[in-house]
């Protein structure tokens, strides 16, 4: 579904990505792991068209989207849960969710307000509440729900559980596991190796803007010490 080949990207003269490659297949749960500052968010920005690629290629469902506008990438079915959540703070929970509602691909079981609330009951309890008054964990749930309301073919989560309490992290992982069982294609950026080993089909590790390791769960177990060194845990 998504293929990133030898991606290069920079902020002005500061090159961040030098040779980044990864793939996400239909219905797969794939991770991109690495320490802070290694280029994970830059990778997502380049995929989404928020940052021009200096080299390499990004394809989605066989279509070259390298350098495509962010709205084009979104309309093709890529939903993003950005780092820092970036919810609409002056809208209510309900308004945040319905603001992005779309079913461009005519899914037989589209994500609706009721379905998102069933996945995240806390959001149902707070539908009339201003988004800025939610806890950090609730804001992350809202950001995920908002992305799901676009009915994405691929869901990307940048720093899925960064800064969240352990109990909230566990709740997020449980929800992502449910999405995976439902066939949702997912790319997650995070550093929680133990949880990701249990959930993901394949893993990629980034170090200084380059993919330095890729493999499935069994390979991760064999190379756990090496991967932990790159991820910083």
Protein backbone atom coordinates (compact mmCIF):
# COMPACT_ATOMS: atom_id res chain seq x y z
CA UNK A 1 0.00 0.00 0.00
CA UNK A 2 2.68 2.51 1.05
CA UNK A 3 6.24 2.31 -0.23
CA UNK A 4 8.97 4.76 0.70
CA UNK A 5 12.21 4.31 -1.25
CA UNK A 6 15.53 6.04 -0.49
CA UNK A 7 13.76 9.14 0.79
CA UNK A 8 15.78 12.31 1.35
CA UNK A 9 14.47 15.49 2.97
CA UNK A 10 15.85 18.65 4.54
CA UNK A 11 14.95 21.83 6.35
CA UNK A 12 16.82 24.46 4.37
CA UNK A 13 20.46 23.41 4.30
CA UNK A 14 20.04 20.92 7.14
CA UNK A 15 19.50 17.50 5.62
CA UNK A 16 17.59 15.17 7.94
CA UNK A 17 16.74 12.13 5.80
CA UNK A 18 19.49 10.54 3.73
CA UNK A 19 18.27 7.07 2.74
CA UNK A 20 14.96 6.17 4.37
CA UNK A 21 13.00 3.17 3.11
CA UNK A 22 9.93 1.40 4.51
CA UNK A 23 6.79 -0.41 3.38
CA UNK A 24 3.29 -0.92 4.71
CA UNK A 25 1.14 -3.61 3.10
CA UNK A 26 -2.64 -3.86 3.00
CA UNK A 27 -3.91 -4.64 6.50
CA UNK A 28 -0.44 -4.53 8.05
CA UNK A 29 0.59 -2.94 11.34
CA UNK A 30 4.10 -1.54 10.78
CA UNK A 31 6.35 0.48 13.08
CA UNK A 32 9.02 3.12 12.60
CA UNK A 33 11.23 3.30 15.68
CA UNK A 34 14.24 5.35 16.71
CA UNK A 35 15.52 7.86 19.21
CA UNK A 36 14.31 11.46 19.26
CA UNK A 37 15.86 13.61 16.57
CA UNK A 38 16.60 10.75 14.17
CA UNK A 39 14.07 11.85 11.52
CA UNK A 40 10.85 9.98 12.32
CA UNK A 41 8.55 13.01 12.21
CA UNK A 42 10.42 14.36 9.18
CA UNK A 43 9.65 11.06 7.44
CA UNK A 44 5.94 11.47 8.14
CA UNK A 45 5.96 15.10 7.02
CA UNK A 46 7.60 14.09 3.74
CA UNK A 47 5.10 11.26 3.19
CA UNK A 48 2.18 13.61 3.84
CA UNK A 49 3.50 16.33 1.53
CA UNK A 50 4.11 18.75 4.40
CA UNK A 51 7.82 18.82 3.58
CA UNK A 52 9.24 18.54 0.04
CA UNK A 53 11.29 15.43 -0.66
CA UNK A 54 14.80 16.19 -1.86
CA UNK A 55 15.25 12.71 -3.29
CA UNK A 56 13.75 9.23 -3.36
CA UNK A 57 10.18 8.19 -4.01
CA UNK A 58 6.90 7.74 -2.12
CA UNK A 59 4.12 5.65 -3.64
CA UNK A 60 0.66 4.92 -2.29
CA UNK A 61 -1.36 2.10 -3.82
CA UNK A 62 0.94 2.22 -6.84
CA UNK A 63 0.56 5.98 -7.35
CA UNK A 64 3.58 8.24 -7.08
CA UNK A 65 2.76 10.84 -4.42
CA UNK A 66 6.27 12.25 -4.02
CA UNK A 67 5.78 15.97 -3.56
CA UNK A 68 1.98 15.79 -3.74
CA UNK A 69 0.02 18.39 -1.78
CA UNK A 70 -1.12 17.35 1.72
CA UNK A 71 -4.79 17.54 0.74
CA UNK A 72 -4.13 15.21 -2.21
CA UNK A 73 -2.46 12.65 0.05
CA UNK A 74 -5.33 12.89 2.54
CA UNK A 75 -7.97 12.45 -0.18
CA UNK A 76 -6.21 9.29 -1.36
CA UNK A 77 -6.93 7.81 2.06
CA UNK A 78 -3.98 8.59 4.35
CA UNK A 79 -5.12 9.67 7.82
CA UNK A 80 -2.61 11.28 10.17
CA UNK A 81 -2.56 11.51 13.96
CA UNK A 82 0.18 14.15 14.24
CA UNK A 83 2.80 14.56 16.92
CA UNK A 84 1.39 16.83 19.60
CA UNK A 85 -2.21 15.81 18.69
CA UNK A 86 -3.08 19.20 17.13
CA UNK A 87 -6.77 18.95 17.92
CA UNK A 88 -9.02 21.99 17.44
CA UNK A 89 -8.89 23.44 20.98
CA UNK A 90 -11.84 25.83 20.69
CA UNK A 91 -14.22 23.18 19.31
CA UNK A 92 -16.05 20.60 21.37
CA UNK A 93 -15.17 16.92 21.23
CA UNK A 94 -18.16 16.27 18.98
CA UNK A 95 -17.28 19.18 16.67
CA UNK A 96 -13.68 17.94 16.36
CA UNK A 97 -14.95 14.55 15.25
CA UNK A 98 -17.61 15.62 12.77
CA UNK A 99 -15.37 18.34 11.27
CA UNK A 100 -13.32 15.73 9.40
CA UNK A 101 -16.07 13.18 8.66
CA UNK A 102 -15.85 11.70 5.16
CA UNK A 103 -16.39 8.35 3.45
CA UNK A 104 -14.74 8.84 0.06
CA UNK A 105 -14.38 5.14 -0.64
CA UNK A 106 -17.89 3.95 0.24
CA UNK A 107 -16.87 1.59 3.02
CA UNK A 108 -19.54 -0.94 4.04
CA UNK A 109 -18.84 -0.16 7.72
CA UNK A 110 -17.64 3.47 7.79
CA UNK A 111 -16.37 5.18 10.88
CA UNK A 112 -19.13 7.32 12.35
CA UNK A 113 -19.49 9.34 15.53
CA UNK A 114 -21.23 6.44 17.25
CA UNK A 115 -18.52 4.01 16.21
CA UNK A 116 -15.69 6.25 17.43
CA UNK A 117 -17.48 6.75 20.75
CA UNK A 118 -17.83 2.98 21.08
CA UNK A 119 -14.06 2.65 20.59
CA UNK A 120 -13.31 5.49 23.02
CA UNK A 121 -16.16 5.68 25.58
CA UNK A 122 -14.46 8.62 27.34
CA UNK A 123 -15.09 10.75 24.27
CA UNK A 124 -18.77 9.88 24.42
CA UNK A 125 -18.90 11.15 27.99
CA UNK A 126 -17.25 14.42 26.94
CA UNK A 127 -18.89 15.21 23.60
CA UNK A 128 -19.99 18.69 24.71
CA UNK A 129 -16.68 19.52 26.39
CA UNK A 130 -14.15 21.94 24.88
CA UNK A 131 -11.25 19.94 23.45
CA UNK A 132 -8.67 22.14 25.17
CA UNK A 133 -9.98 21.01 28.59
CA UNK A 134 -9.33 17.32 27.97
CA UNK A 135 -6.43 15.47 29.57
CA UNK A 136 -3.45 14.58 27.39
CA UNK A 137 -4.63 11.00 27.02
CA UNK A 138 -8.14 12.08 26.08
CA UNK A 139 -6.75 14.50 23.52
CA UNK A 140 -4.79 11.65 21.95
CA UNK A 141 -7.96 9.56 21.78
CA UNK A 142 -9.70 12.51 20.14
CA UNK A 143 -6.88 12.90 17.61
CA UNK A 144 -7.16 9.20 16.71
CA UNK A 145 -10.94 9.41 16.50
CA UNK A 146 -10.73 12.49 14.29
CA UNK A 147 -8.39 10.66 11.90
CA UNK A 148 -10.66 7.61 11.84
CA UNK A 149 -13.62 9.81 10.91
CA UNK A 150 -11.90 10.40 7.55
CA UNK A 151 -12.20 6.62 6.99
CA UNK A 152 -8.54 6.29 6.03
CA UNK A 153 -7.12 3.40 4.09
CA UNK A 154 -3.85 3.94 5.97
CA UNK A 155 -3.69 5.36 9.49
CA UNK A 156 -0.39 6.99 10.54
CA UNK A 157 0.27 7.79 14.19
CA UNK A 158 3.28 9.99 14.99
CA UNK A 159 4.46 9.40 18.59
CA UNK A 160 1.37 7.37 19.43
CA UNK A 161 1.88 7.27 23.21
CA UNK A 162 4.56 9.89 23.89
CA UNK A 163 4.17 11.50 27.30
CA UNK A 164 1.10 9.52 28.30
CA UNK A 165 0.53 7.75 31.61
CA UNK A 166 1.04 3.95 31.52
CA UNK A 167 -2.68 3.22 31.95
CA UNK A 168 -3.53 5.49 29.01
CA UNK A 169 -0.77 3.95 26.91
CA UNK A 170 -2.27 0.53 27.54
CA UNK A 171 -5.68 1.80 26.47
CA UNK A 172 -4.26 3.24 23.24
CA UNK A 173 -2.49 -0.04 22.44
CA UNK A 174 -5.73 -1.96 23.07
CA UNK A 175 -7.60 0.30 20.67
CA UNK A 176 -4.91 -0.05 18.00
CA UNK A 177 -5.04 -3.82 18.42
CA UNK A 178 -8.79 -3.68 17.77
CA UNK A 179 -8.19 -1.59 14.65
CA UNK A 180 -5.66 -4.13 13.41
CA UNK A 181 -8.13 -6.98 13.92
CA UNK A 182 -10.58 -4.99 11.83
CA UNK A 183 -8.12 -4.91 8.92
CA UNK A 184 -6.96 -1.31 9.27
CA UNK A 185 -3.53 -0.62 7.75
CA UNK A 186 -1.43 1.20 10.35
CA UNK A 187 1.99 2.87 10.53
CA UNK A 188 3.03 3.77 14.07
CA UNK A 189 5.95 5.90 15.21
CA UNK A 190 6.80 5.09 18.81
CA UNK A 191 9.55 3.76 21.06
CA UNK A 192 7.62 1.25 23.20
CA UNK A 193 9.36 -1.85 21.90
CA UNK A 194 7.55 -4.40 24.10
CA UNK A 195 4.06 -3.25 23.10
CA UNK A 196 5.02 -2.87 19.45
CA UNK A 197 6.56 -6.35 19.34
CA UNK A 198 3.20 -7.79 20.40
CA UNK A 199 1.10 -5.78 17.95
CA UNK A 200 3.10 -5.15 14.80
CA UNK A 201 3.74 -7.35 11.78
CA UNK A 202 6.98 -5.65 10.79
CA UNK A 203 9.37 -3.06 12.17
CA UNK A 204 11.76 -0.45 10.78
CA UNK A 205 14.43 1.36 12.79
CA UNK A 206 15.79 4.77 11.80
CA UNK A 207 19.17 6.19 12.84
CA UNK A 208 20.39 9.59 11.65
CA UNK A 209 17.95 9.69 8.75
CA UNK A 210 18.65 6.19 7.45
CA UNK A 211 16.84 2.88 7.80
CA UNK A 212 19.36 0.76 9.70
CA UNK A 213 17.23 -2.29 10.52
CA UNK A 214 14.01 -3.93 9.31
CA UNK A 215 12.37 -7.20 10.29
CA UNK A 216 9.40 -9.02 11.76
CA UNK A 217 8.75 -9.86 15.40
CA UNK A 218 10.98 -12.93 15.43
CA UNK A 219 13.86 -10.94 13.97
CA UNK A 220 13.22 -8.26 16.59
CA UNK A 221 13.53 -10.85 19.34
CA UNK A 222 16.84 -12.08 17.92
CA UNK A 223 18.21 -8.55 17.56
CA UNK A 224 16.54 -7.01 20.63
CA UNK A 225 19.79 -5.75 22.15
CA UNK A 226 20.85 -4.11 18.90
CA UNK A 227 17.41 -2.55 18.33
CA UNK A 228 17.24 -1.29 21.92
CA UNK A 229 20.55 0.46 21.33
CA UNK A 230 19.13 2.32 18.33
CA UNK A 231 15.81 3.11 19.96
CA UNK A 232 17.50 4.30 23.14
CA UNK A 233 15.78 2.05 25.70
